[in-house]
Amino acid sequence: MEAEVPDKIYFKIGEVAKITSLKPSVLRYWESEFSALNPAKSWSGQRMYNKKHLDLIFEIKRLLYLEKMTIEGARKKLENRRKGEDAEERLSRVLAEVRDELGRLRDSL
C-alpha cells in the first residue's frame, strides 16, 4: 500500500497524491478533518508536505480504508496516540490494575 517515498524535504500536493494514490481533493478534505495534517504553504500558496505528513496520511488511509473506521473514529484514535496512550493501552492498563487488586484481595483472605 505504501509507495516508495523520494528522498526530499518537501512535497507538493500532486506529488503526495501520486505517492499515496489519493486524489488532491481527498488530501485537502483530510486537512480540514485532521488538525495534525497541516502542511506549510509556499510564498505562492502551494501546499508543502513533509515526511511526517506523509506518515500521517498513510496512517489515516490505513485507518479509513483497511480498518474501515469513520473519520471521527480515526480522528479520536490519532488524538489518543498523540496523547501517548491508545485506548487499547488504557484498557490493558486498567485490566492489569484490576487483576493486581483482585490478587491482593485473594491473598488477604
PDB file of N, CA and C in Angstrom:
ATOM      1  N   MET A   1       0.838  -1.193   0.000  1.00  0.00           N
ATOM      2  CA  MET A   1       0.000   0.000   0.000  1.00  0.00           C
ATOM      3  C   MET A   1       0.876   1.247   0.000  1.00  0.00           C
ATOM      4  N   GLU A   2       2.008   1.201   0.667  1.00  0.00           N
ATOM      5  CA  GLU A   2       2.864   2.362   0.775  1.00  0.00           C
ATOM      6  C   GLU A   2       3.855   2.384  -0.384  1.00  0.00           C
ATOM      7  N   ALA A   3       3.882   3.472  -1.102  1.00  0.00           N
ATOM      8  CA  ALA A   3       4.776   3.624  -2.244  1.00  0.00           C
ATOM      9  C   ALA A   3       6.154   4.080  -1.776  1.00  0.00           C
ATOM     10  N   GLU A   4       7.099   4.016  -2.670  1.00  0.00           N
ATOM     11  CA  GLU A   4       8.453   4.496  -2.382  1.00  0.00           C
ATOM     12  C   GLU A   4       8.415   6.015  -2.249  1.00  0.00           C
ATOM     13  N   VAL A   5       8.909   6.506  -1.124  1.00  0.00           N
ATOM     14  CA  VAL A   5       8.916   7.943  -0.868  1.00  0.00           C
ATOM     15  C   VAL A   5      10.276   8.499  -1.280  1.00  0.00           C
ATOM     16  N   PRO A   6      10.282   9.457  -2.200  1.00  0.00           N
ATOM     17  CA  PRO A   6      11.554  10.059  -2.621  1.00  0.00           C
ATOM     18  C   PRO A   6      12.261  10.750  -1.460  1.00  0.00           C
ATOM     19  N   ASP A   7      13.563  10.854  -1.556  1.00  0.00           N
ATOM     20  CA  ASP A   7      14.362  11.491  -0.505  1.00  0.00           C
ATOM     21  C   ASP A   7      14.356  13.006  -0.728  1.00  0.00           C
ATOM     22  N   LYS A   8      13.282  13.643  -0.237  1.00  0.00           N
ATOM     23  CA  LYS A   8      13.116  15.089  -0.358  1.00  0.00           C
ATOM     24  C   LYS A   8      12.642  15.624   0.984  1.00  0.00           C
ATOM     25  N   ILE A   9      12.770  16.918   1.156  1.00  0.00           N
ATOM     26  CA  ILE A   9      12.291  17.538   2.390  1.00  0.00           C
ATOM     27  C   ILE A   9      10.815  17.896   2.268  1.00  0.00           C
ATOM     28  N   TYR A  10      10.420  18.466   1.148  1.00  0.00           N
ATOM     29  CA  TYR A  10       9.038  18.892   0.939  1.00  0.00           C
ATOM     30  C   TYR A  10       8.476  18.287  -0.327  1.00  0.00           C
ATOM     31  N   PHE A  11       7.146  18.075  -0.306  1.00  0.00           N
ATOM     32  CA  PHE A  11       6.434  17.505  -1.436  1.00  0.00           C
ATOM     33  C   PHE A  11       5.213  18.364  -1.724  1.00  0.00           C
ATOM     34  N   LYS A  12       4.956  18.614  -2.996  1.00  0.00           N
ATOM     35  CA  LYS A  12       3.751  19.339  -3.388  1.00  0.00           C
ATOM     36  C   LYS A  12       2.574  18.375  -3.363  1.00  0.00           C
ATOM     37  N   ILE A  13       1.371  18.928  -3.353  1.00  0.00           N
ATOM     38  CA  ILE A  13       0.176  18.108  -3.205  1.00  0.00           C
ATOM     39  C   ILE A  13       0.045  17.074  -4.335  1.00  0.00           C
ATOM     40  N   GLY A  14       0.440  17.434  -5.548  1.00  0.00           N
ATOM     41  CA  GLY A  14       0.380  16.484  -6.655  1.00  0.00           C
ATOM     42  C   GLY A  14       1.316  15.304  -6.443  1.00  0.00           C
ATOM     43  N   GLU A  15       2.491  15.582  -5.894  1.00  0.00           N
ATOM     44  CA  GLU A  15       3.450  14.512  -5.602  1.00  0.00           C
ATOM     45  C   GLU A  15       2.912  13.598  -4.507  1.00  0.00           C
ATOM     46  N   VAL A  16       2.324  14.198  -3.477  1.00  0.00           N
ATOM     47  CA  VAL A  16       1.762  13.417  -2.379  1.00  0.00           C
ATOM     48  C   VAL A  16       0.599  12.570  -2.892  1.00  0.00           C
ATOM     49  N   ALA A  17      -0.210  13.140  -3.749  1.00  0.00           N
ATOM     50  CA  ALA A  17      -1.331  12.390  -4.321  1.00  0.00           C
ATOM     51  C   ALA A  17      -0.826  11.167  -5.084  1.00  0.00           C
ATOM     52  N   LYS A  18       0.222  11.347  -5.842  1.00  0.00           N
ATOM     53  CA  LYS A  18       0.782  10.231  -6.613  1.00  0.00           C
ATOM     54  C   LYS A  18       1.393   9.177  -5.693  1.00  0.00           C
ATOM     55  N   ILE A  19       2.150   9.602  -4.683  1.00  0.00           N
ATOM     56  CA  ILE A  19       2.811   8.682  -3.756  1.00  0.00           C
ATOM     57  C   ILE A  19       1.784   7.875  -2.963  1.00  0.00           C
ATOM     58  N   THR A  20       0.712   8.522  -2.532  1.00  0.00           N
ATOM     59  CA  THR A  20      -0.280   7.888  -1.664  1.00  0.00           C
ATOM     60  C   THR A  20      -1.454   7.275  -2.421  1.00  0.00           C
ATOM     61  N   SER A  21      -1.521   7.490  -3.716  1.00  0.00           N
ATOM     62  CA  SER A  21      -2.644   7.015  -4.544  1.00  0.00           C
ATOM     63  C   SER A  21      -3.970   7.607  -4.073  1.00  0.00           C
ATOM     64  N   LEU A  22      -3.940   8.860  -3.689  1.00  0.00           N
ATOM     65  CA  LEU A  22      -5.138   9.584  -3.281  1.00  0.00           C
ATOM     66  C   LEU A  22      -5.303  10.803  -4.173  1.00  0.00           C
ATOM     67  N   LYS A  23      -6.534  11.263  -4.297  1.00  0.00           N
ATOM     68  CA  LYS A  23      -6.786  12.468  -5.073  1.00  0.00           C
ATOM     69  C   LYS A  23      -6.423  13.701  -4.238  1.00  0.00           C
ATOM     70  N   PRO A  24      -5.965  14.771  -4.879  1.00  0.00           N
ATOM     71  CA  PRO A  24      -5.666  16.000  -4.133  1.00  0.00           C
ATOM     72  C   PRO A  24      -6.861  16.518  -3.335  1.00  0.00           C
ATOM     73  N   SER A  25      -8.070  16.324  -3.863  1.00  0.00           N
ATOM     74  CA  SER A  25      -9.257  16.781  -3.131  1.00  0.00           C
ATOM     75  C   SER A  25      -9.429  16.010  -1.819  1.00  0.00           C
ATOM     76  N   VAL A  26      -9.064  14.735  -1.812  1.00  0.00           N
ATOM     77  CA  VAL A  26      -9.134  13.944  -0.585  1.00  0.00           C
ATOM     78  C   VAL A  26      -8.123  14.480   0.432  1.00  0.00           C
ATOM     79  N   LEU A  27      -6.931  14.783  -0.037  1.00  0.00           N
ATOM     80  CA  LEU A  27      -5.906  15.332   0.856  1.00  0.00           C
ATOM     81  C   LEU A  27      -6.350  16.664   1.453  1.00  0.00           C
ATOM     82  N   ARG A  28      -6.931  17.521   0.623  1.00  0.00           N
ATOM     83  CA  ARG A  28      -7.403  18.821   1.126  1.00  0.00           C
ATOM     84  C   ARG A  28      -8.526  18.626   2.147  1.00  0.00           C
ATOM     85  N   TYR A  29      -9.415  17.666   1.872  1.00  0.00           N
ATOM     86  CA  TYR A  29     -10.505  17.383   2.815  1.00  0.00           C
ATOM     87  C   TYR A  29      -9.954  16.870   4.140  1.00  0.00           C
ATOM     88  N   TRP A  30      -8.993  15.952   4.078  1.00  0.00           N
ATOM     89  CA  TRP A  30      -8.395  15.416   5.300  1.00  0.00           C
ATOM     90  C   TRP A  30      -7.727  16.510   6.123  1.00  0.00           C
ATOM     91  N   GLU A  31      -7.172  17.514   5.450  1.00  0.00           N
ATOM     92  CA  GLU A  31      -6.579  18.641   6.180  1.00  0.00           C
ATOM     93  C   GLU A  31      -7.625  19.322   7.056  1.00  0.00           C
ATOM     94  N   SER A  32      -8.861  19.405   6.569  1.00  0.00           N
ATOM     95  CA  SER A  32      -9.917  20.056   7.340  1.00  0.00           C
ATOM     96  C   SER A  32     -10.429  19.160   8.468  1.00  0.00           C
ATOM     97  N   GLU A  33     -10.221  17.850   8.371  1.00  0.00           N
ATOM     98  CA  GLU A  33     -10.725  16.906   9.358  1.00  0.00           C
ATOM     99  C   GLU A  33      -9.692  16.502  10.410  1.00  0.00           C
ATOM    100  N   PHE A  34      -8.417  16.543  10.062  1.00  0.00           N
ATOM    101  CA  PHE A  34      -7.352  16.106  10.964  1.00  0.00           C
ATOM    102  C   PHE A  34      -6.413  17.281  11.222  1.00  0.00           C
ATOM    103  N   SER A  35      -6.457  17.810  12.425  1.00  0.00           N
ATOM    104  CA  SER A  35      -5.689  19.021  12.731  1.00  0.00           C
ATOM    105  C   SER A  35      -4.178  18.813  12.625  1.00  0.00           C
ATOM    106  N   ALA A  36      -3.711  17.599  12.815  1.00  0.00           N
ATOM    107  CA  ALA A  36      -2.269  17.329  12.718  1.00  0.00           C
ATOM    108  C   ALA A  36      -1.770  17.384  11.282  1.00  0.00           C
ATOM    109  N   LEU A  37      -2.682  17.290  10.337  1.00  0.00           N
ATOM    110  CA  LEU A  37      -2.310  17.354   8.924  1.00  0.00           C
ATOM    111  C   LEU A  37      -2.435  18.809   8.464  1.00  0.00           C
ATOM    112  N   ASN A  38      -1.357  19.549   8.669  1.00  0.00           N
ATOM    113  CA  ASN A  38      -1.374  20.988   8.389  1.00  0.00           C
ATOM    114  C   ASN A  38      -0.101  21.395   7.641  1.00  0.00           C
ATOM    115  N   PRO A  39      -0.039  21.108   6.346  1.00  0.00           N
ATOM    116  CA  PRO A  39       1.186  21.437   5.611  1.00  0.00           C
ATOM    117  C   PRO A  39       1.406  22.949   5.529  1.00  0.00           C
ATOM    118  N   ALA A  40       2.679  23.300   5.514  1.00  0.00           N
ATOM    119  CA  ALA A  40       3.029  24.713   5.319  1.00  0.00           C
ATOM    120  C   ALA A  40       2.687  25.093   3.883  1.00  0.00           C
ATOM    121  N   LYS A  41       2.606  26.381   3.652  1.00  0.00           N
ATOM    122  CA  LYS A  41       2.352  26.848   2.280  1.00  0.00           C
ATOM    123  C   LYS A  41       3.516  27.706   1.823  1.00  0.00           C
ATOM    124  N   SER A  42       3.855  27.545   0.556  1.00  0.00           N
ATOM    125  CA  SER A  42       4.947  28.326  -0.020  1.00  0.00           C
ATOM    126  C   SER A  42       4.477  29.758  -0.252  1.00  0.00           C
ATOM    127  N   TRP A  43       5.395  30.610  -0.687  1.00  0.00           N
ATOM    128  CA  TRP A  43       5.039  32.008  -0.944  1.00  0.00           C
ATOM    129  C   TRP A  43       3.960  32.111  -2.007  1.00  0.00           C
ATOM    130  N   SER A  44       3.837  31.076  -2.872  1.00  0.00           N
ATOM    131  CA  SER A  44       2.814  31.095  -3.928  1.00  0.00           C
ATOM    132  C   SER A  44       1.523  30.406  -3.496  1.00  0.00           C
ATOM    133  N   GLY A  45       1.478  29.917  -2.242  1.00  0.00           N
ATOM    134  CA  GLY A  45       0.261  29.283  -1.740  1.00  0.00           C
ATOM    135  C   GLY A  45       0.208  27.781  -1.958  1.00  0.00           C
ATOM    136  N   GLN A  46       1.259  27.206  -2.514  1.00  0.00           N
ATOM    137  CA  GLN A  46       1.322  25.764  -2.765  1.00  0.00           C
ATOM    138  C   GLN A  46       1.544  25.024  -1.441  1.00  0.00           C
ATOM    139  N   ARG A  47       0.762  23.976  -1.215  1.00  0.00           N
ATOM    140  CA  ARG A  47       0.949  23.166  -0.010  1.00  0.00           C
ATOM    141  C   ARG A  47       2.285  22.440  -0.080  1.00  0.00           C
ATOM    142  N   MET A  48       3.008  22.443   1.040  1.00  0.00           N
ATOM    143  CA  MET A  48       4.315  21.787   1.100  1.00  0.00           C
ATOM    144  C   MET A  48       4.297  20.770   2.247  1.00  0.00           C
ATOM    145  N   TYR A  49       4.104  19.500   1.887  1.00  0.00           N
ATOM    146  CA  TYR A  49       4.056  18.412   2.863  1.00  0.00           C
ATOM    147  C   TYR A  49       5.472  17.927   3.172  1.00  0.00           C
ATOM    148  N   ASN A  50       5.689  17.460   4.408  1.00  0.00           N
ATOM    149  CA  ASN A  50       6.976  16.856   4.747  1.00  0.00           C
ATOM    150  C   ASN A  50       6.767  15.357   5.002  1.00  0.00           C
ATOM    151  N   LYS A  51       7.829  14.659   5.393  1.00  0.00           N
ATOM    152  CA  LYS A  51       7.723  13.203   5.577  1.00  0.00           C
ATOM    153  C   LYS A  51       6.823  12.839   6.753  1.00  0.00           C
ATOM    154  N   LYS A  52       6.764  13.676   7.775  1.00  0.00           N
ATOM    155  CA  LYS A  52       5.839  13.413   8.883  1.00  0.00           C
ATOM    156  C   LYS A  52       4.395  13.453   8.389  1.00  0.00           C
ATOM    157  N   HIS A  53       4.121  14.403   7.506  1.00  0.00           N
ATOM    158  CA  HIS A  53       2.780  14.476   6.930  1.00  0.00           C
ATOM    159  C   HIS A  53       2.473  13.218   6.126  1.00  0.00           C
ATOM    160  N   LEU A  54       3.453  12.749   5.354  1.00  0.00           N
ATOM    161  CA  LEU A  54       3.251  11.530   4.566  1.00  0.00           C
ATOM    162  C   LEU A  54       2.957  10.343   5.470  1.00  0.00           C
ATOM    163  N   ASP A  55       3.701  10.204   6.564  1.00  0.00           N
ATOM    164  CA  ASP A  55       3.453   9.115   7.509  1.00  0.00           C
ATOM    165  C   ASP A  55       2.035   9.201   8.056  1.00  0.00           C
ATOM    166  N   LEU A  56       1.605  10.407   8.400  1.00  0.00           N
ATOM    167  CA  LEU A  56       0.259  10.610   8.924  1.00  0.00           C
ATOM    168  C   LEU A  56      -0.785  10.258   7.862  1.00  0.00           C
ATOM    169  N   ILE A  57      -0.566  10.666   6.638  1.00  0.00           N
ATOM    170  CA  ILE A  57      -1.512  10.361   5.553  1.00  0.00           C
ATOM    171  C   ILE A  57      -1.633   8.858   5.364  1.00  0.00           C
ATOM    172  N   PHE A  58      -0.504   8.146   5.367  1.00  0.00           N
ATOM    173  CA  PHE A  58      -0.556   6.690   5.235  1.00  0.00           C
ATOM    174  C   PHE A  58      -1.299   6.061   6.411  1.00  0.00           C
ATOM    175  N   GLU A  59      -1.127   6.605   7.614  1.00  0.00           N
ATOM    176  CA  GLU A  59      -1.832   6.081   8.784  1.00  0.00           C
ATOM    177  C   GLU A  59      -3.334   6.351   8.677  1.00  0.00           C
ATOM    178  N   ILE A  60      -3.721   7.549   8.266  1.00  0.00           N
ATOM    179  CA  ILE A  60      -5.140   7.874   8.084  1.00  0.00           C
ATOM    180  C   ILE A  60      -5.737   6.958   7.025  1.00  0.00           C
ATOM    181  N   LYS A  61      -5.027   6.775   5.940  1.00  0.00           N
ATOM    182  CA  LYS A  61      -5.508   5.912   4.859  1.00  0.00           C
ATOM    183  C   LYS A  61      -5.718   4.484   5.370  1.00  0.00           C
ATOM    184  N   ARG A  62      -4.776   3.994   6.184  1.00  0.00           N
ATOM    185  CA  ARG A  62      -4.899   2.642   6.741  1.00  0.00           C
ATOM    186  C   ARG A  62      -6.134   2.542   7.649  1.00  0.00           C
ATOM    187  N   LEU A  63      -6.311   3.532   8.517  1.00  0.00           N
ATOM    188  CA  LEU A  63      -7.449   3.509   9.434  1.00  0.00           C
ATOM    189  C   LEU A  63      -8.781   3.565   8.693  1.00  0.00           C
ATOM    190  N   LEU A  64      -8.859   4.416   7.679  1.00  0.00           N
ATOM    191  CA  LEU A  64     -10.123   4.592   6.963  1.00  0.00           C
ATOM    192  C   LEU A  64     -10.410   3.473   5.974  1.00  0.00           C
ATOM    193  N   TYR A  65      -9.418   3.055   5.220  1.00  0.00           N
ATOM    194  CA  TYR A  65      -9.654   2.117   4.136  1.00  0.00           C
ATOM    195  C   TYR A  65      -9.469   0.656   4.531  1.00  0.00           C
ATOM    196  N   LEU A  66      -8.505   0.349   5.391  1.00  0.00           N
ATOM    197  CA  LEU A  66      -8.275  -1.042   5.781  1.00  0.00           C
ATOM    198  C   LEU A  66      -9.057  -1.421   7.037  1.00  0.00           C
ATOM    199  N   GLU A  67      -9.005  -0.558   8.041  1.00  0.00           N
ATOM    200  CA  GLU A  67      -9.723  -0.848   9.280  1.00  0.00           C
ATOM    201  C   GLU A  67     -11.177  -0.406   9.223  1.00  0.00           C
ATOM    202  N   LYS A  68     -11.573   0.281   8.153  1.00  0.00           N
ATOM    203  CA  LYS A  68     -12.957   0.716   7.913  1.00  0.00           C
ATOM    204  C   LYS A  68     -13.498   1.602   9.031  1.00  0.00           C
ATOM    205  N   MET A  69     -12.615   2.447   9.580  1.00  0.00           N
ATOM    206  CA  MET A  69     -13.051   3.376  10.625  1.00  0.00           C
ATOM    207  C   MET A  69     -13.731   4.578   9.985  1.00  0.00           C
ATOM    208  N   THR A  70     -14.544   5.252  10.778  1.00  0.00           N
ATOM    209  CA  THR A  70     -15.117   6.517  10.322  1.00  0.00           C
ATOM    210  C   THR A  70     -14.067   7.613  10.501  1.00  0.00           C
ATOM    211  N   ILE A  71     -14.321   8.754   9.902  1.00  0.00           N
ATOM    212  CA  ILE A  71     -13.413   9.899  10.075  1.00  0.00           C
ATOM    213  C   ILE A  71     -13.313  10.236  11.564  1.00  0.00           C
ATOM    214  N   GLU A  72     -14.441  10.271  12.247  1.00  0.00           N
ATOM    215  CA  GLU A  72     -14.451  10.606  13.669  1.00  0.00           C
ATOM    216  C   GLU A  72     -13.671   9.576  14.478  1.00  0.00           C
ATOM    217  N   GLY A  73     -13.850   8.304  14.175  1.00  0.00           N
ATOM    218  CA  GLY A  73     -13.124   7.249  14.871  1.00  0.00           C
ATOM    219  C   GLY A  73     -11.622   7.341  14.636  1.00  0.00           C
ATOM    220  N   ALA A  74     -11.237   7.603  13.389  1.00  0.00           N
ATOM    221  CA  ALA A  74      -9.815   7.741  13.061  1.00  0.00           C
ATOM    222  C   ALA A  74      -9.229   8.961  13.759  1.00  0.00           C
ATOM    223  N   ARG A  75      -9.993  10.056  13.792  1.00  0.00           N
ATOM    224  CA  ARG A  75      -9.519  11.274  14.458  1.00  0.00           C
ATOM    225  C   ARG A  75      -9.269  11.002  15.946  1.00  0.00           C
ATOM    226  N   LYS A  76     -10.224  10.322  16.598  1.00  0.00           N
ATOM    227  CA  LYS A  76     -10.075  10.019  18.021  1.00  0.00           C
ATOM    228  C   LYS A  76      -8.886   9.100  18.261  1.00  0.00           C
ATOM    229  N   LYS A  77      -8.709   8.104  17.419  1.00  0.00           N
ATOM    230  CA  LYS A  77      -7.589   7.176  17.591  1.00  0.00           C
ATOM    231  C   LYS A  77      -6.256   7.911  17.450  1.00  0.00           C
ATOM    232  N   LEU A  78      -6.168   8.792  16.461  1.00  0.00           N
ATOM    233  CA  LEU A  78      -4.939   9.558  16.273  1.00  0.00           C
ATOM    234  C   LEU A  78      -4.695  10.525  17.427  1.00  0.00           C
ATOM    235  N   GLU A  79      -5.764  11.132  17.939  1.00  0.00           N
ATOM    236  CA  GLU A  79      -5.615  12.040  19.076  1.00  0.00           C
ATOM    237  C   GLU A  79      -5.138  11.273  20.308  1.00  0.00           C
ATOM    238  N   ASN A  80      -5.686  10.077  20.521  1.00  0.00           N
ATOM    239  CA  ASN A  80      -5.253   9.256  21.650  1.00  0.00           C
ATOM    240  C   ASN A  80      -3.781   8.879  21.502  1.00  0.00           C
ATOM    241  N   ARG A  81      -3.359   8.554  20.319  1.00  0.00           N
ATOM    242  CA  ARG A  81      -1.953   8.214  20.096  1.00  0.00           C
ATOM    243  C   ARG A  81      -1.069   9.422  20.353  1.00  0.00           C
ATOM    244  N   ARG A  82      -1.539  10.580  19.899  1.00  0.00           N
ATOM    245  CA  ARG A  82      -0.751  11.789  20.093  1.00  0.00           C
ATOM    246  C   ARG A  82      -0.600  12.095  21.577  1.00  0.00           C
ATOM    247  N   LYS A  83      -1.607  11.754  22.361  1.00  0.00           N
ATOM    248  CA  LYS A  83      -1.516  11.949  23.800  1.00  0.00           C
ATOM    249  C   LYS A  83      -0.614  10.902  24.433  1.00  0.00           C
ATOM    250  N   GLY A  84      -0.158   9.957  23.648  1.00  0.00           N
ATOM    251  CA  GLY A  84       0.787   8.968  24.133  1.00  0.00           C
ATOM    252  C   GLY A  84       0.158   7.696  24.657  1.00  0.00           C
ATOM    253  N   GLU A  85      -1.151   7.586  24.562  1.00  0.00           N
ATOM    254  CA  GLU A  85      -1.786   6.395  25.086  1.00  0.00           C
ATOM    255  C   GLU A  85      -2.995   6.030  24.239  1.00  0.00           C
ATOM    256  N   ASP A  86      -2.955   4.886  23.623  1.00  0.00           N
ATOM    257  CA  ASP A  86      -4.041   4.394  22.798  1.00  0.00           C
ATOM    258  C   ASP A  86      -5.150   3.854  23.710  1.00  0.00           C
ATOM    259  N   ALA A  87      -6.364   3.822  23.237  1.00  0.00           N
ATOM    260  CA  ALA A  87      -7.482   3.318  24.030  1.00  0.00           C
ATOM    261  C   ALA A  87      -7.238   1.868  24.442  1.00  0.00           C
ATOM    262  N   GLU A  88      -6.654   1.080  23.577  1.00  0.00           N
ATOM    263  CA  GLU A  88      -6.347  -0.314  23.905  1.00  0.00           C
ATOM    264  C   GLU A  88      -5.313  -0.387  25.022  1.00  0.00           C
ATOM    265  N   GLU A  89      -4.347   0.517  24.993  1.00  0.00           N
ATOM    266  CA  GLU A  89      -3.339   0.551  26.049  1.00  0.00           C
ATOM    267  C   GLU A  89      -3.966   0.942  27.383  1.00  0.00           C
ATOM    268  N   ARG A  90      -4.893   1.893  27.376  1.00  0.00           N
ATOM    269  CA  ARG A  90      -5.584   2.295  28.608  1.00  0.00           C
ATOM    270  C   ARG A  90      -6.364   1.119  29.178  1.00  0.00           C
ATOM    271  N   LEU A  91      -7.088   0.404  28.308  1.00  0.00           N
ATOM    272  CA  LEU A  91      -7.864  -0.742  28.753  1.00  0.00           C
ATOM    273  C   LEU A  91      -6.949  -1.810  29.335  1.00  0.00           C
ATOM    274  N   SER A  92      -5.842  -2.063  28.680  1.00  0.00           N
ATOM    275  CA  SER A  92      -4.882  -3.055  29.162  1.00  0.00           C
ATOM    276  C   SER A  92      -4.336  -2.664  30.537  1.00  0.00           C
ATOM    277  N   ARG A  93      -4.037  -1.390  30.716  1.00  0.00           N
ATOM    278  CA  ARG A  93      -3.518  -0.904  32.000  1.00  0.00           C
ATOM    279  C   ARG A  93      -4.561  -1.052  33.098  1.00  0.00           C
ATOM    280  N   VAL A  94      -5.817  -0.700  32.808  1.00  0.00           N
ATOM    281  CA  VAL A  94      -6.884  -0.812  33.800  1.00  0.00           C
ATOM    282  C   VAL A  94      -7.103  -2.277  34.166  1.00  0.00           C
ATOM    283  N   LEU A  95      -7.101  -3.157  33.183  1.00  0.00           N
ATOM    284  CA  LEU A  95      -7.276  -4.587  33.462  1.00  0.00           C
ATOM    285  C   LEU A  95      -6.147  -5.121  34.336  1.00  0.00           C
ATOM    286  N   ALA A  96      -4.925  -4.680  34.080  1.00  0.00           N
ATOM    287  CA  ALA A  96      -3.785  -5.110  34.892  1.00  0.00           C
ATOM    288  C   ALA A  96      -3.949  -4.626  36.333  1.00  0.00           C
ATOM    289  N   GLU A  97      -4.439  -3.399  36.513  1.00  0.00           N
ATOM    290  CA  GLU A  97      -4.657  -2.874  37.860  1.00  0.00           C
ATOM    291  C   GLU A  97      -5.739  -3.673  38.589  1.00  0.00           C
ATOM    292  N   VAL A  98      -6.817  -4.008  37.869  1.00  0.00           N
ATOM    293  CA  VAL A  98      -7.894  -4.798  38.467  1.00  0.00           C
ATOM    294  C   VAL A  98      -7.379  -6.186  38.843  1.00  0.00           C
ATOM    295  N   ARG A  99      -6.610  -6.800  37.972  1.00  0.00           N
ATOM    296  CA  ARG A  99      -6.033  -8.117  38.240  1.00  0.00           C
ATOM    297  C   ARG A  99      -5.137  -8.073  39.474  1.00  0.00           C
ATOM    298  N   ASP A 100      -4.318  -7.043  39.584  1.00  0.00           N
ATOM    299  CA  ASP A 100      -3.440  -6.899  40.747  1.00  0.00           C
ATOM    300  C   ASP A 100      -4.251  -6.727  42.034  1.00  0.00           C
ATOM    301  N   GLU A 101      -5.281  -5.916  41.968  1.00  0.00           N
ATOM    302  CA  GLU A 101      -6.122  -5.683  43.148  1.00  0.00           C
ATOM    303  C   GLU A 101      -6.846  -6.962  43.552  1.00  0.00           C
ATOM    304  N   LEU A 102      -7.351  -7.711  42.586  1.00  0.00           N
ATOM    305  CA  LEU A 102      -8.002  -8.981  42.894  1.00  0.00           C
ATOM    306  C   LEU A 102      -7.023  -9.971  43.519  1.00  0.00           C
ATOM    307  N   GLY A 103      -5.777  -9.964  43.029  1.00  0.00           N
ATOM    308  CA  GLY A 103      -4.745 -10.821  43.612  1.00  0.00           C
ATOM    309  C   GLY A 103      -4.461 -10.456  45.053  1.00  0.00           C
ATOM    310  N   ARG A 104      -4.398  -9.157  45.337  1.00  0.00           N
ATOM    311  CA  ARG A 104      -4.182  -8.707  46.719  1.00  0.00           C
ATOM    312  C   ARG A 104      -5.358  -9.106  47.619  1.00  0.00           C
ATOM    313  N   LEU A 105      -6.587  -8.981  47.119  1.00  0.00           N
ATOM    314  CA  LEU A 105      -7.762  -9.382  47.901  1.00  0.00           C
ATOM    315  C   LEU A 105      -7.733 -10.886  48.179  1.00  0.00           C
ATOM    316  N   ARG A 106      -7.398 -11.668  47.178  1.00  0.00           N
ATOM    317  CA  ARG A 106      -7.315 -13.123  47.346  1.00  0.00           C
ATOM    318  C   ARG A 106      -6.277 -13.483  48.402  1.00  0.00           C
ATOM    319  N   ASP A 107      -5.141 -12.833  48.339  1.00  0.00           N
ATOM    320  CA  ASP A 107      -4.057 -13.119  49.286  1.00  0.00           C
ATOM    321  C   ASP A 107      -4.444 -12.726  50.725  1.00  0.00           C
ATOM    322  N   SER A 108      -5.279 -11.731  50.861  1.00  0.00           N
ATOM    323  CA  SER A 108      -5.663 -11.288  52.202  1.00  0.00           C
ATOM    324  C   SER A 108      -6.716 -12.180  52.828  1.00  0.00           C
ATOM    325  N   LEU A 109      -7.361 -13.038  52.032  1.00  0.00           N
ATOM    326  CA  LEU A 109      -8.412 -13.918  52.576  1.00  0.00           C
ATOM    327  C   LEU A 109      -7.853 -15.143  53.166  1.00  0.00           C
TER     328      LEU A 109
END
